[in-house]
Amino acid sequence: KDSGTSVHLVQKNADMATKANVLPEPGQAKLVFSNIGDKEAV
């Protein structure tokens, strides 16, 4: 990046994802849908 280097470093916490019930199944992805409004969302 220009005269330097850009860094993108990510670490996930599998235990916390399990506790929150959002850990994907092996080889899969997961999508969570939440509606905090005052009308039905589809």
All heavy atoms as atom14 arrays in JSON, in Angstrom:
{
  "sequence": "KDSGTSVHLVQKNADMATKANVLPEPGQAKLVFSNIGDKEAV",
  "atom14_mask": [
    [1, 1, 1, 1, 1, 1, 1, 1, 1, 0, 0, 0, 0, 0],
    [1, 1, 1, 1, 1, 1, 1, 1, 0, 0, 0, 0, 0, 0],
    [1, 1, 1, 1, 1, 1, 0, 0, 0, 0, 0, 0, 0, 0],
    [1, 1, 1, 1, 0, 0, 0, 0, 0, 0, 0, 0, 0, 0],
    [1, 1, 1, 1, 1, 1, 1, 0, 0, 0, 0, 0, 0, 0],
    [1, 1, 1, 1, 1, 1, 0, 0, 0, 0, 0, 0, 0, 0],
    [1, 1, 1, 1, 1, 1, 1, 0, 0, 0, 0, 0, 0, 0],
    [1, 1, 1, 1, 1, 1, 1, 1, 1, 1, 0, 0, 0, 0],
    [1, 1, 1, 1, 1, 1, 1, 1, 0, 0, 0, 0, 0, 0],
    [1, 1, 1, 1, 1, 1, 1, 0, 0, 0, 0, 0, 0, 0],
    [1, 1, 1, 1, 1, 1, 1, 1, 1, 0, 0, 0, 0, 0],
    [1, 1, 1, 1, 1, 1, 1, 1, 1, 0, 0, 0, 0, 0],
    [1, 1, 1, 1, 1, 1, 1, 1, 0, 0, 0, 0, 0, 0],
    [1, 1, 1, 1, 1, 0, 0, 0, 0, 0, 0, 0, 0, 0],
    [1, 1, 1, 1, 1, 1, 1, 1, 0, 0, 0, 0, 0, 0],
    [1, 1, 1, 1, 1, 1, 1, 1, 0, 0, 0, 0, 0, 0],
    [1, 1, 1, 1, 1, 0, 0, 0, 0, 0, 0, 0, 0, 0],
    [1, 1, 1, 1, 1, 1, 1, 0, 0, 0, 0, 0, 0, 0],
    [1, 1, 1, 1, 1, 1, 1, 1, 1, 0, 0, 0, 0, 0],
    [1, 1, 1, 1, 1, 0, 0, 0, 0, 0, 0, 0, 0, 0],
    [1, 1, 1, 1, 1, 1, 1, 1, 0, 0, 0, 0, 0, 0],
    [1, 1, 1, 1, 1, 1, 1, 0, 0, 0, 0, 0, 0, 0],
    [1, 1, 1, 1, 1, 1, 1, 1, 0, 0, 0, 0, 0, 0],
    [1, 1, 1, 1, 1, 1, 1, 0, 0, 0, 0, 0, 0, 0],
    [1, 1, 1, 1, 1, 1, 1, 1, 1, 0, 0, 0, 0, 0],
    [1, 1, 1, 1, 1, 1, 1, 0, 0, 0, 0, 0, 0, 0],
    [1, 1, 1, 1, 0, 0, 0, 0, 0, 0, 0, 0, 0, 0],
    [1, 1, 1, 1, 1, 1, 1, 1, 1, 0, 0, 0, 0, 0],
    [1, 1, 1, 1, 1, 0, 0, 0, 0, 0, 0, 0, 0, 0],
    [1, 1, 1, 1, 1, 1, 1, 1, 1, 0, 0, 0, 0, 0],
    [1, 1, 1, 1, 1, 1, 1, 1, 0, 0, 0, 0, 0, 0],
    [1, 1, 1, 1, 1, 1, 1, 0, 0, 0, 0, 0, 0, 0],
    [1, 1, 1, 1, 1, 1, 1, 1, 1, 1, 1, 0, 0, 0],
    [1, 1, 1, 1, 1, 1, 0, 0, 0, 0, 0, 0, 0, 0],
    [1, 1, 1, 1, 1, 1, 1, 1, 0, 0, 0, 0, 0, 0],
    [1, 1, 1, 1, 1, 1, 1, 1, 0, 0, 0, 0, 0, 0],
    [1, 1, 1, 1, 0, 0, 0, 0, 0, 0, 0, 0, 0, 0],
    [1, 1, 1, 1, 1, 1, 1, 1, 0, 0, 0, 0, 0, 0],
    [1, 1, 1, 1, 1, 1, 1, 1, 1, 0, 0, 0, 0, 0],
    [1, 1, 1, 1, 1, 1, 1, 1, 1, 0, 0, 0, 0, 0],
    [1, 1, 1, 1, 1, 0, 0, 0, 0, 0, 0, 0, 0, 0],
    [1, 1, 1, 1, 1, 1, 1, 0, 0, 0, 0, 0, 0, 0]
  ],
  "atom14_positions": [
    [[0.85, -1.18, 0.0], [0.0, 0.0, 0.0], [0.88, 1.23, 0.0], [1.56, 1.52, 0.98], [-0.93, 0.01, 1.21], [-1.9, 1.17, 1.22], [-2.88, 1.08, 2.37], [-3.86, 2.24, 2.32], [-4.83, 2.18, 3.46], [0.0, 0.0, 0.0], [0.0, 0.0, 0.0], [0.0, 0.0, 0.0], [0.0, 0.0, 0.0], [0.0, 0.0, 0.0]],
    [[0.85, 1.94, -1.12], [1.73, 3.1, -1.29], [3.17, 2.67, -1.01], [3.68, 1.76, -1.62], [1.29, 4.26, -0.39], [-0.14, 4.7, -0.69], [-0.52, 4.65, -1.87], [-0.86, 5.07, 0.25], [0.0, 0.0, 0.0], [0.0, 0.0, 0.0], [0.0, 0.0, 0.0], [0.0, 0.0, 0.0], [0.0, 0.0, 0.0], [0.0, 0.0, 0.0]],
    [[3.83, 3.31, -0.02], [5.2, 2.94, 0.29], [5.28, 2.05, 1.53], [6.36, 1.87, 2.09], [6.04, 4.21, 0.51], [5.46, 5.03, 1.5], [0.0, 0.0, 0.0], [0.0, 0.0, 0.0], [0.0, 0.0, 0.0], [0.0, 0.0, 0.0], [0.0, 0.0, 0.0], [0.0, 0.0, 0.0], [0.0, 0.0, 0.0], [0.0, 0.0, 0.0]],
    [[4.13, 1.49, 1.95], [4.12, 0.62, 3.12], [3.36, -0.66, 2.86], [3.23, -1.12, 1.71], [0.0, 0.0, 0.0], [0.0, 0.0, 0.0], [0.0, 0.0, 0.0], [0.0, 0.0, 0.0], [0.0, 0.0, 0.0], [0.0, 0.0, 0.0], [0.0, 0.0, 0.0], [0.0, 0.0, 0.0], [0.0, 0.0, 0.0], [0.0, 0.0, 0.0]],
    [[2.83, -1.25, 3.92], [2.12, -2.53, 3.84], [0.84, -2.44, 4.66], [0.86, -2.02, 5.82], [2.99, -3.67, 4.4], [4.2, -3.76, 3.63], [2.26, -5.0, 4.34], [0.0, 0.0, 0.0], [0.0, 0.0, 0.0], [0.0, 0.0, 0.0], [0.0, 0.0, 0.0], [0.0, 0.0, 0.0], [0.0, 0.0, 0.0], [0.0, 0.0, 0.0]],
    [[-0.28, -2.83, 4.06], [-1.54, -2.89, 4.79], [-1.65, -4.25, 5.48], [-1.22, -5.27, 4.95], [-2.73, -2.66, 3.86], [-2.86, -3.72, 2.94], [0.0, 0.0, 0.0], [0.0, 0.0, 0.0], [0.0, 0.0, 0.0], [0.0, 0.0, 0.0], [0.0, 0.0, 0.0], [0.0, 0.0, 0.0], [0.0, 0.0, 0.0], [0.0, 0.0, 0.0]],
    [[-2.25, -4.25, 6.66], [-2.39, -5.45, 7.49], [-3.87, -5.65, 7.81], [-4.56, -4.71, 8.23], [-1.59, -5.31, 8.79], [-1.79, -6.55, 9.68], [-0.11, -5.08, 8.51], [0.0, 0.0, 0.0], [0.0, 0.0, 0.0], [0.0, 0.0, 0.0], [0.0, 0.0, 0.0], [0.0, 0.0, 0.0], [0.0, 0.0, 0.0], [0.0, 0.0, 0.0]],
    [[-4.33, -6.88, 7.64], [-5.69, -7.28, 8.02], [-5.53, -8.59, 8.78], [-5.23, -9.62, 8.19], [-6.55, -7.46, 6.77], [-7.95, -7.9, 7.06], [-9.03, -7.05, 7.0], [-8.46, -9.11, 7.39], [-10.13, -7.72, 7.29], [-9.8, -8.98, 7.53], [0.0, 0.0, 0.0], [0.0, 0.0, 0.0], [0.0, 0.0, 0.0], [0.0, 0.0, 0.0]],
    [[-5.72, -8.54, 10.1], [-5.52, -9.71, 10.95], [-6.8, -9.97, 11.74], [-7.33, -9.07, 12.38], [-4.35, -9.47, 11.91], [-4.01, -10.6, 12.89], [-3.52, -11.85, 12.15], [-2.94, -10.13, 13.89], [0.0, 0.0, 0.0], [0.0, 0.0, 0.0], [0.0, 0.0, 0.0], [0.0, 0.0, 0.0], [0.0, 0.0, 0.0], [0.0, 0.0, 0.0]],
    [[-7.32, -11.19, 11.68], [-8.57, -11.55, 12.34], [-8.37, -12.78, 13.2], [-7.71, -13.75, 12.77], [-9.69, -11.84, 11.31], [-10.94, -12.35, 12.01], [-10.01, -10.59, 10.51], [0.0, 0.0, 0.0], [0.0, 0.0, 0.0], [0.0, 0.0, 0.0], [0.0, 0.0, 0.0], [0.0, 0.0, 0.0], [0.0, 0.0, 0.0], [0.0, 0.0, 0.0]],
    [[-8.92, -12.75, 14.4], [-8.93, -13.93, 15.27], [-10.37, -14.16, 15.76], [-11.04, -13.24, 16.21], [-8.01, -13.76, 16.47], [-7.94, -15.01, 17.36], [-7.06, -14.81, 18.58], [-6.99, -13.71, 19.14], [-6.37, -15.86, 19.0], [0.0, 0.0, 0.0], [0.0, 0.0, 0.0], [0.0, 0.0, 0.0], [0.0, 0.0, 0.0], [0.0, 0.0, 0.0]],
    [[-10.85, -15.42, 15.65], [-12.19, -15.79, 16.11], [-12.09, -16.58, 17.41], [-11.09, -17.27, 17.64], [-12.91, -16.62, 15.05], [-13.11, -15.9, 13.72], [-13.79, -16.81, 12.71], [-14.05, -16.12, 11.4], [-14.74, -17.01, 10.43], [0.0, 0.0, 0.0], [0.0, 0.0, 0.0], [0.0, 0.0, 0.0], [0.0, 0.0, 0.0], [0.0, 0.0, 0.0]],
    [[-13.14, -16.49, 18.2], [-13.19, -17.21, 19.47], [-14.28, -18.27, 19.4], [-15.47, -17.97, 19.53], [-13.46, -16.23, 20.63], [-13.27, -16.86, 21.99], [-13.6, -18.02, 22.2], [-12.75, -16.08, 22.93], [0.0, 0.0, 0.0], [0.0, 0.0, 0.0], [0.0, 0.0, 0.0], [0.0, 0.0, 0.0], [0.0, 0.0, 0.0], [0.0, 0.0, 0.0]],
    [[-13.88, -19.52, 19.18], [-14.85, -20.6, 18.95], [-15.68, -20.87, 20.21], [-16.89, -21.15, 20.1], [-14.11, -21.86, 18.53], [0.0, 0.0, 0.0], [0.0, 0.0, 0.0], [0.0, 0.0, 0.0], [0.0, 0.0, 0.0], [0.0, 0.0, 0.0], [0.0, 0.0, 0.0], [0.0, 0.0, 0.0], [0.0, 0.0, 0.0], [0.0, 0.0, 0.0]],
    [[-15.11, -20.78, 21.4], [-15.87, -21.03, 22.62], [-16.97, -20.0, 22.8], [-18.1, -20.33, 23.19], [-14.94, -21.02, 23.84], [-14.08, -22.27, 23.93], [-14.39, -23.25, 23.23], [-13.11, -22.25, 24.7], [0.0, 0.0, 0.0], [0.0, 0.0, 0.0], [0.0, 0.0, 0.0], [0.0, 0.0, 0.0], [0.0, 0.0, 0.0], [0.0, 0.0, 0.0]],
    [[-16.68, -18.73, 22.52], [-17.68, -17.68, 22.67], [-18.78, -17.83, 21.61], [-19.96, -17.57, 21.9], [-17.03, -16.3, 22.57], [-16.09, -15.96, 23.71], [-16.87, -16.01, 25.36], [-16.27, -17.59, 25.98], [0.0, 0.0, 0.0], [0.0, 0.0, 0.0], [0.0, 0.0, 0.0], [0.0, 0.0, 0.0], [0.0, 0.0, 0.0], [0.0, 0.0, 0.0]],
    [[-18.41, -18.23, 20.4], [-19.42, -18.44, 19.37], [-20.34, -19.6, 19.73], [-21.55, -19.56, 19.49], [-18.75, -18.7, 18.02], [0.0, 0.0, 0.0], [0.0, 0.0, 0.0], [0.0, 0.0, 0.0], [0.0, 0.0, 0.0], [0.0, 0.0, 0.0], [0.0, 0.0, 0.0], [0.0, 0.0, 0.0], [0.0, 0.0, 0.0], [0.0, 0.0, 0.0]],
    [[-19.78, -20.63, 20.35], [-20.6, -21.75, 20.81], [-21.54, -21.31, 21.92], [-22.74, -21.65, 21.93], [-19.69, -22.89, 21.32], [-18.86, -23.35, 20.26], [-20.52, -24.06, 21.83], [0.0, 0.0, 0.0], [0.0, 0.0, 0.0], [0.0, 0.0, 0.0], [0.0, 0.0, 0.0], [0.0, 0.0, 0.0], [0.0, 0.0, 0.0], [0.0, 0.0, 0.0]],
    [[-21.03, -20.52, 22.84], [-21.85, -20.02, 23.95], [-22.99, -19.14, 23.44], [-24.1, -19.18, 23.97], [-20.97, -19.24, 24.92], [-21.68, -18.76, 26.17], [-20.72, -18.08, 27.11], [-21.43, -17.6, 28.38], [-20.48, -16.93, 29.32], [0.0, 0.0, 0.0], [0.0, 0.0, 0.0], [0.0, 0.0, 0.0], [0.0, 0.0, 0.0], [0.0, 0.0, 0.0]],
    [[-22.72, -18.37, 22.39], [-23.74, -17.48, 21.82], [-24.65, -18.2, 20.83], [-25.57, -17.58, 20.29], [-23.06, -16.3, 21.12], [0.0, 0.0, 0.0], [0.0, 0.0, 0.0], [0.0, 0.0, 0.0], [0.0, 0.0, 0.0], [0.0, 0.0, 0.0], [0.0, 0.0, 0.0], [0.0, 0.0, 0.0], [0.0, 0.0, 0.0], [0.0, 0.0, 0.0]],
    [[-24.38, -19.47, 20.56], [-25.18, -20.28, 19.64], [-25.1, -19.77, 18.21], [-26.08, -19.8, 17.47], [-26.65, -20.34, 20.09], [-27.4, -21.5, 19.45], [-26.8, -22.49, 19.03], [-28.71, -21.38, 19.38], [0.0, 0.0, 0.0], [0.0, 0.0, 0.0], [0.0, 0.0, 0.0], [0.0, 0.0, 0.0], [0.0, 0.0, 0.0], [0.0, 0.0, 0.0]],
    [[-23.93, -19.28, 17.81], [-23.75, -18.8, 16.44], [-22.57, -19.48, 15.75], [-22.12, -19.02, 14.69], [-23.56, -17.26, 16.4], [-24.8, -16.56, 16.91], [-22.32, -16.83, 17.16], [0.0, 0.0, 0.0], [0.0, 0.0, 0.0], [0.0, 0.0, 0.0], [0.0, 0.0, 0.0], [0.0, 0.0, 0.0], [0.0, 0.0, 0.0], [0.0, 0.0, 0.0]],
    [[-22.08, -20.58, 16.3], [-20.97, -21.28, 15.66], [-21.5, -22.08, 14.46], [-22.42, -22.88, 14.61], [-20.3, -22.23, 16.65], [-19.05, -22.96, 16.14], [-17.89, -21.98, 15.99], [-18.66, -24.09, 17.08], [0.0, 0.0, 0.0], [0.0, 0.0, 0.0], [0.0, 0.0, 0.0], [0.0, 0.0, 0.0], [0.0, 0.0, 0.0], [0.0, 0.0, 0.0]],
    [[-20.94, -21.89, 13.26], [-21.42, -22.64, 12.1], [-21.08, -24.13, 12.2], [-20.13, -24.52, 12.87], [-20.65, -22.0, 10.92], [-20.08, -20.74, 11.46], [-19.88, -20.93, 12.91], [0.0, 0.0, 0.0], [0.0, 0.0, 0.0], [0.0, 0.0, 0.0], [0.0, 0.0, 0.0], [0.0, 0.0, 0.0], [0.0, 0.0, 0.0], [0.0, 0.0, 0.0]],
    [[-21.86, -24.94, 11.53], [-21.53, -26.35, 11.39], [-20.27, -26.48, 10.54], [-19.97, -25.61, 9.72], [-22.68, -27.11, 10.72], [-23.97, -27.14, 11.54], [-23.84, -27.96, 12.8], [-23.01, -28.89, 12.81], [-24.56, -27.68, 13.77], [0.0, 0.0, 0.0], [0.0, 0.0, 0.0], [0.0, 0.0, 0.0], [0.0, 0.0, 0.0], [0.0, 0.0, 0.0]],
    [[-19.48, -27.55, 10.71], [-18.26, -27.71, 9.91], [-18.55, -27.64, 8.42], [-19.48, -28.28, 7.91], [-17.78, -29.12, 10.31], [-18.32, -29.32, 11.7], [-19.66, -28.64, 11.71], [0.0, 0.0, 0.0], [0.0, 0.0, 0.0], [0.0, 0.0, 0.0], [0.0, 0.0, 0.0], [0.0, 0.0, 0.0], [0.0, 0.0, 0.0], [0.0, 0.0, 0.0]],
    [[-17.78, -26.82, 7.73], [-17.94, -26.66, 6.29], [-19.1, -25.79, 5.87], [-19.34, -25.61, 4.67], [0.0, 0.0, 0.0], [0.0, 0.0, 0.0], [0.0, 0.0, 0.0], [0.0, 0.0, 0.0], [0.0, 0.0, 0.0], [0.0, 0.0, 0.0], [0.0, 0.0, 0.0], [0.0, 0.0, 0.0], [0.0, 0.0, 0.0], [0.0, 0.0, 0.0]],
    [[-19.84, -25.23, 6.83], [-21.02, -24.42, 6.53], [-20.81, -22.98, 6.98], [-19.86, -22.66, 7.71], [-22.24, -25.0, 7.24], [-22.63, -26.39, 6.79], [-23.27, -26.39, 5.42], [-24.35, -25.83, 5.22], [-22.61, -27.0, 4.46], [0.0, 0.0, 0.0], [0.0, 0.0, 0.0], [0.0, 0.0, 0.0], [0.0, 0.0, 0.0], [0.0, 0.0, 0.0]],
    [[-21.72, -22.11, 6.54], [-21.81, -20.75, 7.06], [-23.13, -20.63, 7.81], [-24.02, -21.47, 7.67], [-21.74, -19.74, 5.92], [0.0, 0.0, 0.0], [0.0, 0.0, 0.0], [0.0, 0.0, 0.0], [0.0, 0.0, 0.0], [0.0, 0.0, 0.0], [0.0, 0.0, 0.0], [0.0, 0.0, 0.0], [0.0, 0.0, 0.0], [0.0, 0.0, 0.0]],
    [[-23.26, -19.58, 8.62], [-24.49, -19.36, 9.36], [-24.94, -17.92, 9.18], [-24.11, -17.0, 9.12], [-24.29, -19.66, 10.84], [-25.58, -19.64, 11.67], [-25.31, -19.95, 13.14], [-24.99, -21.41, 13.38], [-26.16, -22.29, 13.16], [0.0, 0.0, 0.0], [0.0, 0.0, 0.0], [0.0, 0.0, 0.0], [0.0, 0.0, 0.0], [0.0, 0.0, 0.0]],
    [[-26.26, -17.74, 9.08], [-26.85, -16.41, 8.98], [-27.85, -16.23, 10.1], [-28.73, -17.07, 10.31], [-27.56, -16.24, 7.62], [-28.33, -14.93, 7.42], [-27.38, -13.73, 7.45], [-29.12, -14.97, 6.12], [0.0, 0.0, 0.0], [0.0, 0.0, 0.0], [0.0, 0.0, 0.0], [0.0, 0.0, 0.0], [0.0, 0.0, 0.0], [0.0, 0.0, 0.0]],
    [[-27.73, -15.12, 10.85], [-28.64, -14.79, 11.93], [-29.52, -13.63, 11.48], [-29.02, -12.63, 10.95], [-27.86, -14.4, 13.21], [-28.81, -13.92, 14.3], [-27.03, -15.59, 13.7], [0.0, 0.0, 0.0], [0.0, 0.0, 0.0], [0.0, 0.0, 0.0], [0.0, 0.0, 0.0], [0.0, 0.0, 0.0], [0.0, 0.0, 0.0], [0.0, 0.0, 0.0]],
    [[-30.84, -13.77, 11.66], [-31.81, -12.74, 11.26], [-32.51, -12.23, 12.51], [-33.11, -12.99, 13.26], [-32.82, -13.33, 10.28], [-33.94, -12.4, 9.88], [-33.73, -11.04, 9.74], [-35.21, -12.9, 9.66], [-34.75, -10.19, 9.38], [-36.25, -12.06, 9.29], [-36.02, -10.7, 9.15], [0.0, 0.0, 0.0], [0.0, 0.0, 0.0], [0.0, 0.0, 0.0]],
    [[-32.43, -10.9, 12.72], [-32.98, -10.28, 13.92], [-33.83, -9.07, 13.54], [-33.43, -8.27, 12.68], [-31.85, -9.85, 14.85], [-32.34, -9.21, 16.0], [0.0, 0.0, 0.0], [0.0, 0.0, 0.0], [0.0, 0.0, 0.0], [0.0, 0.0, 0.0], [0.0, 0.0, 0.0], [0.0, 0.0, 0.0], [0.0, 0.0, 0.0], [0.0, 0.0, 0.0]],
    [[-34.96, -8.93, 14.18], [-35.85, -7.79, 13.96], [-36.09, -7.1, 15.3], [-36.77, -7.63, 16.17], [-37.19, -8.25, 13.36], [-38.17, -7.1, 13.19], [-37.8, -5.93, 13.17], [-39.45, -7.44, 13.08], [0.0, 0.0, 0.0], [0.0, 0.0, 0.0], [0.0, 0.0, 0.0], [0.0, 0.0, 0.0], [0.0, 0.0, 0.0], [0.0, 0.0, 0.0]],
    [[-35.53, -5.9, 15.47], [-35.72, -5.16, 16.71], [-36.64, -3.97, 16.49], [-36.76, -3.09, 17.36], [-34.38, -4.7, 17.31], [-33.63, -3.77, 16.36], [-33.51, -5.91, 17.68], [-32.37, -3.17, 16.98], [0.0, 0.0, 0.0], [0.0, 0.0, 0.0], [0.0, 0.0, 0.0], [0.0, 0.0, 0.0], [0.0, 0.0, 0.0], [0.0, 0.0, 0.0]],
    [[-37.28, -3.91, 15.32], [-38.23, -2.84, 15.04], [-39.6, -3.13, 15.64], [-39.82, -4.13, 16.31], [0.0, 0.0, 0.0], [0.0, 0.0, 0.0], [0.0, 0.0, 0.0], [0.0, 0.0, 0.0], [0.0, 0.0, 0.0], [0.0, 0.0, 0.0], [0.0, 0.0, 0.0], [0.0, 0.0, 0.0], [0.0, 0.0, 0.0], [0.0, 0.0, 0.0]],
    [[-40.57, -2.22, 15.36], [-41.91, -2.36, 15.92], [-42.92, -2.86, 14.89], [-44.12, -2.83, 15.12], [-42.39, -1.04, 16.53], [-42.38, 0.11, 15.52], [-42.09, -0.13, 14.33], [-42.65, 1.25, 15.93], [0.0, 0.0, 0.0], [0.0, 0.0, 0.0], [0.0, 0.0, 0.0], [0.0, 0.0, 0.0], [0.0, 0.0, 0.0], [0.0, 0.0, 0.0]],
    [[-42.42, -3.35, 13.73], [-43.28, -3.93, 12.71], [-42.68, -5.25, 12.24], [-41.48, -5.48, 12.39], [-43.42, -2.97, 11.52], [-44.1, -1.65, 11.84], [-44.19, -0.78, 10.6], [-44.84, 0.57, 10.91], [-44.91, 1.44, 9.72], [0.0, 0.0, 0.0], [0.0, 0.0, 0.0], [0.0, 0.0, 0.0], [0.0, 0.0, 0.0], [0.0, 0.0, 0.0]],
    [[-43.52, -6.08, 11.66], [-43.02, -7.35, 11.14], [-42.01, -7.11, 10.02], [-42.19, -6.21, 9.19], [-44.18, -8.19, 10.6], [-43.73, -9.54, 10.04], [-44.9, -10.34, 9.48], [-45.39, -9.99, 8.39], [-45.29, -11.32, 10.13], [0.0, 0.0, 0.0], [0.0, 0.0, 0.0], [0.0, 0.0, 0.0], [0.0, 0.0, 0.0], [0.0, 0.0, 0.0]],
    [[-40.95, -7.89, 9.99], [-39.95, -7.83, 8.92], [-39.91, -9.17, 8.23], [-40.09, -10.22, 8.86], [-38.58, -7.48, 9.49], [0.0, 0.0, 0.0], [0.0, 0.0, 0.0], [0.0, 0.0, 0.0], [0.0, 0.0, 0.0], [0.0, 0.0, 0.0], [0.0, 0.0, 0.0], [0.0, 0.0, 0.0], [0.0, 0.0, 0.0], [0.0, 0.0, 0.0]],
    [[-39.68, -9.15, 6.92], [-39.67, -10.38, 6.13], [-38.35, -10.48, 5.38], [-37.97, -9.57, 4.64], [-40.85, -10.42, 5.14], [-40.79, -11.7, 4.31], [-42.17, -10.32, 5.88], [0.0, 0.0, 0.0], [0.0, 0.0, 0.0], [0.0, 0.0, 0.0], [0.0, 0.0, 0.0], [0.0, 0.0, 0.0], [0.0, 0.0, 0.0], [0.0, 0.0, 0.0]]
  ]
}
